[in-house]
Amino acid sequence: HPTQLGFQDAASPVMEELLHFHDHALMIVFLISTLVLYIIVAMVSTKLTNKYILDSQEIEIVWTILPAVILVLIALPSLRILYLMDEINDPHLTIKAMGHQWYWSYEYTDYENLGFDSYMVPTQDLTPGQFRLLESDHRMVIPMESPIRVLVSAEDVLHSWTVPSLGVKMDAVPGRLNQTAFIASRPGVFYGQCSEICGANHSFMPIVVEAVPLEYFENWSSLMLEDA
């Protein structure tokens, strides 16, 4: 949505965890900010002073231990999500995404000749309901509710394969093969963009992932193989 604030709706278990962690961390920040604001207002508005207090062992202990406890409360769920994001268990499908200046190419490594280039649809070619700078001529179609592994690399310069709704962001580095995984928990079309400045047309590298039921994916892959 043009006026949307905040995150996109989660379309994967990892993104749901990220949203929960965001709310958890934001609540801690809100409580700390409220406490600090109260202390500032109290100090400014009170007329009571004590010029003889130079130090306080108790206060120093509290304001050392309390921030440490708060940091632990933030770090523990964060480390758990980092582990979940890095875990890849028995993927049902592996796709290789290569970044180029300025388009993406996809190769379904479980098939012999299933691969294609994905270019942005120019503004003048858009149909009603399509999004400017976000539509591509070929979508990356995947089966929903299946573990998908994506191998990410680049042909020329640094790129970044990013789909916010799926909670995925992986750098594409020339000469290096990075991998990430996700599960699309519902059918739909999910949009992303290259998130690493890669040249003059950096903003013209959309990523479109379409999650469909397994039988639809099988029909799509059969048609793609026939056309290859």
C-alpha atoms as a PDB file:
ATOM      1  CA  HIS A   1       0.000   0.000   0.000  1.00  0.00           C
ATOM      2  CA  PRO A   2       1.389   3.469  -0.863  1.00  0.00           C
ATOM      3  CA  THR A   3       0.746   4.879   2.626  1.00  0.00           C
ATOM      4  CA  GLN A   4       1.593   1.733   4.578  1.00  0.00           C
ATOM      5  CA  LEU A   5       3.520   2.100   7.820  1.00  0.00           C
ATOM      6  CA  GLY A   6       5.377  -0.753   9.494  1.00  0.00           C
ATOM      7  CA  PHE A   7       6.086  -4.213   8.178  1.00  0.00           C
ATOM      8  CA  GLN A   8       4.331  -6.163   5.455  1.00  0.00           C
ATOM      9  CA  ASP A   9       2.098  -9.048   6.496  1.00  0.00           C
ATOM     10  CA  ALA A  10       4.144 -12.114   7.384  1.00  0.00           C
ATOM     11  CA  ALA A  11       4.077 -14.930   4.832  1.00  0.00           C
ATOM     12  CA  SER A  12       6.558 -17.297   6.495  1.00  0.00           C
ATOM     13  CA  PRO A  13       7.142 -18.655  10.012  1.00  0.00           C
ATOM     14  CA  VAL A  14      10.457 -16.780  10.290  1.00  0.00           C
ATOM     15  CA  MET A  15       8.837 -13.457   9.432  1.00  0.00           C
ATOM     16  CA  GLU A  16       6.161 -14.085  12.064  1.00  0.00           C
ATOM     17  CA  GLU A  17       8.927 -14.630  14.621  1.00  0.00           C
ATOM     18  CA  LEU A  18      10.626 -11.421  13.488  1.00  0.00           C
ATOM     19  CA  LEU A  19       7.406  -9.459  13.959  1.00  0.00           C
ATOM     20  CA  HIS A  20       6.944 -10.888  17.456  1.00  0.00           C
ATOM     21  CA  PHE A  21      10.537  -9.992  18.321  1.00  0.00           C
ATOM     22  CA  HIS A  22      10.015  -6.477  16.990  1.00  0.00           C
ATOM     23  CA  ASP A  23       6.986  -6.027  19.256  1.00  0.00           C
ATOM     24  CA  HIS A  24       8.924  -7.496  22.194  1.00  0.00           C
ATOM     25  CA  ALA A  25      11.893  -5.152  21.707  1.00  0.00           C
ATOM     26  CA  LEU A  26       9.650  -2.155  21.057  1.00  0.00           C
ATOM     27  CA  MET A  27       7.808  -2.720  24.338  1.00  0.00           C
ATOM     28  CA  ILE A  28      11.107  -2.749  26.235  1.00  0.00           C
ATOM     29  CA  VAL A  29      12.188   0.465  24.487  1.00  0.00           C
ATOM     30  CA  PHE A  30       8.821   2.055  25.313  1.00  0.00           C
ATOM     31  CA  LEU A  31       9.117   1.183  29.008  1.00  0.00           C
ATOM     32  CA  ILE A  32      12.687   2.503  29.183  1.00  0.00           C
ATOM     33  CA  SER A  33      11.726   5.717  27.397  1.00  0.00           C
ATOM     34  CA  THR A  34       8.776   6.243  29.744  1.00  0.00           C
ATOM     35  CA  LEU A  35      10.992   5.739  32.801  1.00  0.00           C
ATOM     36  CA  VAL A  36      13.682   8.118  31.524  1.00  0.00           C
ATOM     37  CA  LEU A  37      11.086  10.757  30.603  1.00  0.00           C
ATOM     38  CA  TYR A  38       9.536  10.485  34.075  1.00  0.00           C
ATOM     39  CA  ILE A  39      12.930  10.914  35.748  1.00  0.00           C
ATOM     40  CA  ILE A  40      13.755  13.955  33.586  1.00  0.00           C
ATOM     41  CA  VAL A  41      10.405  15.617  34.316  1.00  0.00           C
ATOM     42  CA  ALA A  42      10.740  14.842  38.027  1.00  0.00           C
ATOM     43  CA  MET A  43      14.261  16.281  38.189  1.00  0.00           C
ATOM     44  CA  VAL A  44      13.296  19.440  36.300  1.00  0.00           C
ATOM     45  CA  SER A  45      10.079  20.100  38.194  1.00  0.00           C
ATOM     46  CA  THR A  46      11.231  19.385  41.776  1.00  0.00           C
ATOM     47  CA  LYS A  47      12.729  22.079  43.979  1.00  0.00           C
ATOM     48  CA  LEU A  48      14.406  19.567  46.274  1.00  0.00           C
ATOM     49  CA  THR A  49      18.172  19.287  45.973  1.00  0.00           C
ATOM     50  CA  ASN A  50      20.933  17.605  47.916  1.00  0.00           C
ATOM     51  CA  LYS A  51      24.365  19.005  47.174  1.00  0.00           C
ATOM     52  CA  TYR A  52      26.064  16.595  49.580  1.00  0.00           C
ATOM     53  CA  ILE A  53      25.440  13.411  47.551  1.00  0.00           C
ATOM     54  CA  LEU A  54      28.622  12.828  45.538  1.00  0.00           C
ATOM     55  CA  ASP A  55      28.237   9.100  44.873  1.00  0.00           C
ATOM     56  CA  SER A  56      25.950   6.174  45.659  1.00  0.00           C
ATOM     57  CA  GLN A  57      27.097   2.567  45.529  1.00  0.00           C
ATOM     58  CA  GLU A  58      23.534   1.272  45.416  1.00  0.00           C
ATOM     59  CA  ILE A  59      22.541   3.435  42.452  1.00  0.00           C
ATOM     60  CA  GLU A  60      25.668   2.471  40.512  1.00  0.00           C
ATOM     61  CA  ILE A  61      24.972  -1.230  41.092  1.00  0.00           C
ATOM     62  CA  VAL A  62      21.364  -0.853  39.937  1.00  0.00           C
ATOM     63  CA  TRP A  63      22.155   1.079  36.773  1.00  0.00           C
ATOM     64  CA  THR A  64      24.834  -1.454  35.866  1.00  0.00           C
ATOM     65  CA  ILE A  65      22.879  -4.656  36.518  1.00  0.00           C
ATOM     66  CA  LEU A  66      19.504  -3.477  35.182  1.00  0.00           C
ATOM     67  CA  PRO A  67      20.743  -2.622  31.644  1.00  0.00           C
ATOM     68  CA  ALA A  68      22.585  -5.962  31.539  1.00  0.00           C
ATOM     69  CA  VAL A  69      19.350  -7.809  32.364  1.00  0.00           C
ATOM     70  CA  ILE A  70      17.465  -5.814  29.715  1.00  0.00           C
ATOM     71  CA  LEU A  71      20.095  -6.630  27.081  1.00  0.00           C
ATOM     72  CA  VAL A  72      19.809 -10.337  27.924  1.00  0.00           C
ATOM     73  CA  LEU A  73      16.011 -10.157  27.555  1.00  0.00           C
ATOM     74  CA  ILE A  74      16.521  -8.693  24.080  1.00  0.00           C
ATOM     75  CA  ALA A  75      19.418 -10.950  23.053  1.00  0.00           C
ATOM     76  CA  LEU A  76      17.903 -14.349  23.889  1.00  0.00           C
ATOM     77  CA  PRO A  77      14.935 -14.215  21.473  1.00  0.00           C
ATOM     78  CA  SER A  78      17.175 -12.536  18.893  1.00  0.00           C
ATOM     79  CA  LEU A  79      19.685 -15.401  19.014  1.00  0.00           C
ATOM     80  CA  ARG A  80      16.854 -17.916  18.697  1.00  0.00           C
ATOM     81  CA  ILE A  81      15.593 -16.234  15.521  1.00  0.00           C
ATOM     82  CA  LEU A  82      19.120 -16.055  14.097  1.00  0.00           C
ATOM     83  CA  TYR A  83      19.387 -19.812  14.599  1.00  0.00           C
ATOM     84  CA  LEU A  84      16.026 -20.403  12.900  1.00  0.00           C
ATOM     85  CA  MET A  85      17.012 -18.217   9.934  1.00  0.00           C
ATOM     86  CA  ASP A  86      20.260 -20.121   9.443  1.00  0.00           C
ATOM     87  CA  GLU A  87      18.720 -23.585   9.758  1.00  0.00           C
ATOM     88  CA  ILE A  88      18.125 -25.482   6.512  1.00  0.00           C
ATOM     89  CA  ASN A  89      16.493 -28.904   6.914  1.00  0.00           C
ATOM     90  CA  ASP A  90      15.757 -31.181   3.956  1.00  0.00           C
ATOM     91  CA  PRO A  91      14.615 -28.608   1.365  1.00  0.00           C
ATOM     92  CA  HIS A  92      11.992 -29.821  -1.098  1.00  0.00           C
ATOM     93  CA  LEU A  93      13.230 -27.457  -3.804  1.00  0.00           C
ATOM     94  CA  THR A  94      16.497 -25.638  -4.487  1.00  0.00           C
ATOM     95  CA  ILE A  95      16.619 -22.500  -6.617  1.00  0.00           C
ATOM     96  CA  LYS A  96      19.733 -20.625  -7.677  1.00  0.00           C
ATOM     97  CA  ALA A  97      19.260 -16.845  -7.919  1.00  0.00           C
ATOM     98  CA  MET A  98      21.952 -14.891  -9.760  1.00  0.00           C
ATOM     99  CA  GLY A  99      22.152 -11.122  -9.662  1.00  0.00           C
ATOM    100  CA  HIS A 100      23.132  -9.191 -12.780  1.00  0.00           C
ATOM    101  CA  GLN A 101      23.215  -5.535 -13.765  1.00  0.00           C
ATOM    102  CA  TRP A 102      20.236  -5.129 -13.695  1.00  0.00           C
ATOM    103  CA  TYR A 103      18.070  -8.232 -13.576  1.00  0.00           C
ATOM    104  CA  TRP A 104      17.809 -11.591 -11.817  1.00  0.00           C
ATOM    105  CA  SER A 105      18.181 -15.050 -13.301  1.00  0.00           C
ATOM    106  CA  TYR A 106      16.720 -18.168 -11.691  1.00  0.00           C
ATOM    107  CA  GLU A 107      17.675 -21.797 -12.106  1.00  0.00           C
ATOM    108  CA  TYR A 108      15.675 -24.654 -10.588  1.00  0.00           C
ATOM    109  CA  THR A 109      18.511 -27.045  -9.854  1.00  0.00           C
ATOM    110  CA  ASP A 110      16.206 -30.040  -9.287  1.00  0.00           C
ATOM    111  CA  TYR A 111      15.230 -29.851 -12.972  1.00  0.00           C
ATOM    112  CA  GLU A 112      17.510 -30.186 -15.981  1.00  0.00           C
ATOM    113  CA  ASN A 113      16.460 -27.236 -18.110  1.00  0.00           C
ATOM    114  CA  LEU A 114      14.256 -25.059 -15.925  1.00  0.00           C
ATOM    115  CA  GLY A 115      15.659 -21.558 -15.729  1.00  0.00           C
ATOM    116  CA  PHE A 116      14.875 -18.035 -16.897  1.00  0.00           C
ATOM    117  CA  ASP A 117      15.820 -14.377 -16.621  1.00  0.00           C
ATOM    118  CA  SER A 118      13.564 -11.985 -14.736  1.00  0.00           C
ATOM    119  CA  TYR A 119      13.429  -8.351 -15.887  1.00  0.00           C
ATOM    120  CA  MET A 120      11.398  -5.459 -14.533  1.00  0.00           C
ATOM    121  CA  VAL A 121       8.212  -4.642 -16.438  1.00  0.00           C
ATOM    122  CA  PRO A 122       8.569  -1.069 -17.794  1.00  0.00           C
ATOM    123  CA  THR A 123       6.078   1.482 -16.509  1.00  0.00           C
ATOM    124  CA  GLN A 124       4.449   1.908 -19.927  1.00  0.00           C
ATOM    125  CA  ASP A 125       3.726  -1.843 -20.104  1.00  0.00           C
ATOM    126  CA  LEU A 126       2.003  -2.138 -16.720  1.00  0.00           C
ATOM    127  CA  THR A 127      -1.636  -3.204 -16.575  1.00  0.00           C
ATOM    128  CA  PRO A 128      -4.162  -1.859 -14.036  1.00  0.00           C
ATOM    129  CA  GLY A 129      -3.482  -3.283 -10.590  1.00  0.00           C
ATOM    130  CA  GLN A 130       0.226  -3.856 -11.133  1.00  0.00           C
ATOM    131  CA  PHE A 131       2.885  -2.086  -9.087  1.00  0.00           C
ATOM    132  CA  ARG A 132       5.402   0.322 -10.581  1.00  0.00           C
ATOM    133  CA  LEU A 133       9.044  -0.821 -10.252  1.00  0.00           C
ATOM    134  CA  LEU A 134       7.907  -4.070  -8.570  1.00  0.00           C
ATOM    135  CA  GLU A 135       6.584  -6.224 -11.405  1.00  0.00           C
ATOM    136  CA  SER A 136       8.777  -8.659 -13.332  1.00  0.00           C
ATOM    137  CA  ASP A 137       8.163 -10.442 -16.613  1.00  0.00           C
ATOM    138  CA  HIS A 138       8.894 -13.855 -15.035  1.00  0.00           C
ATOM    139  CA  ARG A 139       8.002 -14.687 -11.448  1.00  0.00           C
ATOM    140  CA  MET A 140       9.845 -17.133  -9.242  1.00  0.00           C
ATOM    141  CA  VAL A 141       7.103 -19.709  -8.677  1.00  0.00           C
ATOM    142  CA  ILE A 142       7.363 -21.976  -5.626  1.00  0.00           C
ATOM    143  CA  PRO A 143       5.110 -24.525  -3.904  1.00  0.00           C
ATOM    144  CA  MET A 144       3.586 -23.229  -0.691  1.00  0.00           C
ATOM    145  CA  GLU A 145       4.158 -24.939   2.674  1.00  0.00           C
ATOM    146  CA  SER A 146       7.366 -26.524   1.377  1.00  0.00           C
ATOM    147  CA  PRO A 147      10.930 -25.787   2.552  1.00  0.00           C
ATOM    148  CA  ILE A 148      12.657 -23.825  -0.203  1.00  0.00           C
ATOM    149  CA  ARG A 149      16.418 -23.310  -0.368  1.00  0.00           C
ATOM    150  CA  VAL A 150      17.740 -20.387  -2.392  1.00  0.00           C
ATOM    151  CA  LEU A 151      21.378 -20.252  -3.477  1.00  0.00           C
ATOM    152  CA  VAL A 152      22.331 -16.627  -4.055  1.00  0.00           C
ATOM    153  CA  SER A 153      25.286 -15.250  -5.991  1.00  0.00           C
ATOM    154  CA  ALA A 154      26.118 -12.478  -8.460  1.00  0.00           C
ATOM    155  CA  GLU A 155      27.626 -12.284 -11.910  1.00  0.00           C
ATOM    156  CA  ASP A 156      29.179  -8.821 -11.730  1.00  0.00           C
ATOM    157  CA  VAL A 157      28.804  -6.617  -8.621  1.00  0.00           C
ATOM    158  CA  LEU A 158      27.222  -6.894  -5.173  1.00  0.00           C
ATOM    159  CA  HIS A 159      23.459  -7.410  -5.095  1.00  0.00           C
ATOM    160  CA  SER A 160      21.041  -8.505  -2.370  1.00  0.00           C
ATOM    161  CA  TRP A 161      18.072 -10.859  -2.787  1.00  0.00           C
ATOM    162  CA  THR A 162      15.366  -9.567  -0.448  1.00  0.00           C
ATOM    163  CA  VAL A 163      11.684 -10.412   0.056  1.00  0.00           C
ATOM    164  CA  PRO A 164      10.353  -8.692   3.226  1.00  0.00           C
ATOM    165  CA  SER A 165       7.121 -10.718   3.539  1.00  0.00           C
ATOM    166  CA  LEU A 166       9.141 -13.941   3.686  1.00  0.00           C
ATOM    167  CA  GLY A 167      11.740 -12.548   6.096  1.00  0.00           C
ATOM    168  CA  VAL A 168      14.529 -13.174   3.582  1.00  0.00           C
ATOM    169  CA  LYS A 169      17.551 -10.970   2.849  1.00  0.00           C
ATOM    170  CA  MET A 170      20.707 -12.534   1.442  1.00  0.00           C
ATOM    171  CA  ASP A 171      23.682 -10.772  -0.120  1.00  0.00           C
ATOM    172  CA  ALA A 172      24.685 -11.812  -3.631  1.00  0.00           C
ATOM    173  CA  VAL A 173      28.476 -11.682  -3.809  1.00  0.00           C
ATOM    174  CA  PRO A 174      30.433 -12.422  -7.015  1.00  0.00           C
ATOM    175  CA  GLY A 175      32.453 -15.618  -6.643  1.00  0.00           C
ATOM    176  CA  ARG A 176      30.632 -16.641  -3.461  1.00  0.00           C
ATOM    177  CA  LEU A 177      27.566 -18.854  -3.069  1.00  0.00           C
ATOM    178  CA  ASN A 178      25.345 -17.902  -0.125  1.00  0.00           C
ATOM    179  CA  GLN A 179      22.239 -19.816   0.844  1.00  0.00           C
ATOM    180  CA  THR A 180      19.032 -19.094   2.683  1.00  0.00           C
ATOM    181  CA  ALA A 181      15.765 -20.940   3.230  1.00  0.00           C
ATOM    182  CA  PHE A 182      12.127 -20.150   3.852  1.00  0.00           C
ATOM    183  CA  ILE A 183       8.645 -21.661   3.841  1.00  0.00           C
ATOM    184  CA  ALA A 184       5.758 -19.762   2.268  1.00  0.00           C
ATOM    185  CA  SER A 185       2.930 -20.378   4.719  1.00  0.00           C
ATOM    186  CA  ARG A 186       0.168 -19.145   2.410  1.00  0.00           C
ATOM    187  CA  PRO A 187      -0.434 -18.680  -1.311  1.00  0.00           C
ATOM    188  CA  GLY A 188       0.166 -15.277  -2.782  1.00  0.00           C
ATOM    189  CA  VAL A 189       2.497 -12.960  -4.659  1.00  0.00           C
ATOM    190  CA  PHE A 190       5.302 -11.441  -2.611  1.00  0.00           C
ATOM    191  CA  TYR A 191       7.425  -8.550  -3.795  1.00  0.00           C
ATOM    192  CA  GLY A 192      10.998  -7.588  -3.064  1.00  0.00           C
ATOM    193  CA  GLN A 193      13.858  -5.616  -4.556  1.00  0.00           C
ATOM    194  CA  CYS A 194      17.624  -5.673  -4.771  1.00  0.00           C
ATOM    195  CA  SER A 195      18.747  -4.195  -1.444  1.00  0.00           C
ATOM    196  CA  GLU A 196      22.374  -3.459  -2.254  1.00  0.00           C
ATOM    197  CA  ILE A 197      23.288  -0.424  -4.354  1.00  0.00           C
ATOM    198  CA  CYS A 198      24.578  -1.954  -7.581  1.00  0.00           C
ATOM    199  CA  GLY A 199      24.693   0.829 -10.124  1.00  0.00           C
ATOM    200  CA  ALA A 200      22.555   3.237 -12.115  1.00  0.00           C
ATOM    201  CA  ASN A 201      19.540   0.906 -12.446  1.00  0.00           C
ATOM    202  CA  HIS A 202      19.673  -0.504  -8.923  1.00  0.00           C
ATOM    203  CA  SER A 203      16.002   0.352  -8.355  1.00  0.00           C
ATOM    204  CA  PHE A 204      14.992  -1.580 -11.491  1.00  0.00           C
ATOM    205  CA  MET A 205      15.686  -5.077 -10.075  1.00  0.00           C
ATOM    206  CA  PRO A 206      12.388  -6.294  -8.611  1.00  0.00           C
ATOM    207  CA  ILE A 207      11.907  -9.745  -7.124  1.00  0.00           C
ATOM    208  CA  VAL A 208       8.506 -11.406  -7.444  1.00  0.00           C
ATOM    209  CA  VAL A 209       7.860 -14.689  -5.645  1.00  0.00           C
ATOM    210  CA  GLU A 210       4.576 -16.472  -6.321  1.00  0.00           C
ATOM    211  CA  ALA A 211       3.593 -19.213  -3.873  1.00  0.00           C
ATOM    212  CA  VAL A 212       1.046 -21.691  -5.229  1.00  0.00           C
ATOM    213  CA  PRO A 213      -0.317 -25.116  -4.207  1.00  0.00           C
ATOM    214  CA  LEU A 214       1.870 -28.062  -5.149  1.00  0.00           C
ATOM    215  CA  GLU A 215      -0.322 -29.268  -8.029  1.00  0.00           C
ATOM    216  CA  TYR A 216      -0.255 -25.790  -9.602  1.00  0.00           C
ATOM    217  CA  PHE A 217       3.524 -25.717  -9.270  1.00  0.00           C
ATOM    218  CA  GLU A 218       3.829 -29.100 -10.970  1.00  0.00           C
ATOM    219  CA  ASN A 219       1.671 -27.897 -13.865  1.00  0.00           C
ATOM    220  CA  TRP A 220       3.715 -24.687 -14.153  1.00  0.00           C
ATOM    221  CA  SER A 221       7.039 -26.541 -14.138  1.00  0.00           C
ATOM    222  CA  SER A 222       5.768 -28.968 -16.802  1.00  0.00           C
ATOM    223  CA  LEU A 223       4.738 -26.081 -19.055  1.00  0.00           C
ATOM    224  CA  MET A 224       8.084 -24.337 -18.523  1.00  0.00           C
ATOM    225  CA  LEU A 225       9.977 -27.518 -19.411  1.00  0.00           C
ATOM    226  CA  GLU A 226       7.905 -27.960 -22.566  1.00  0.00           C
ATOM    227  CA  ASP A 227       8.733 -24.401 -23.652  1.00  0.00           C
ATOM    228  CA  ALA A 228      12.448 -24.789 -22.873  1.00  0.00           C
END
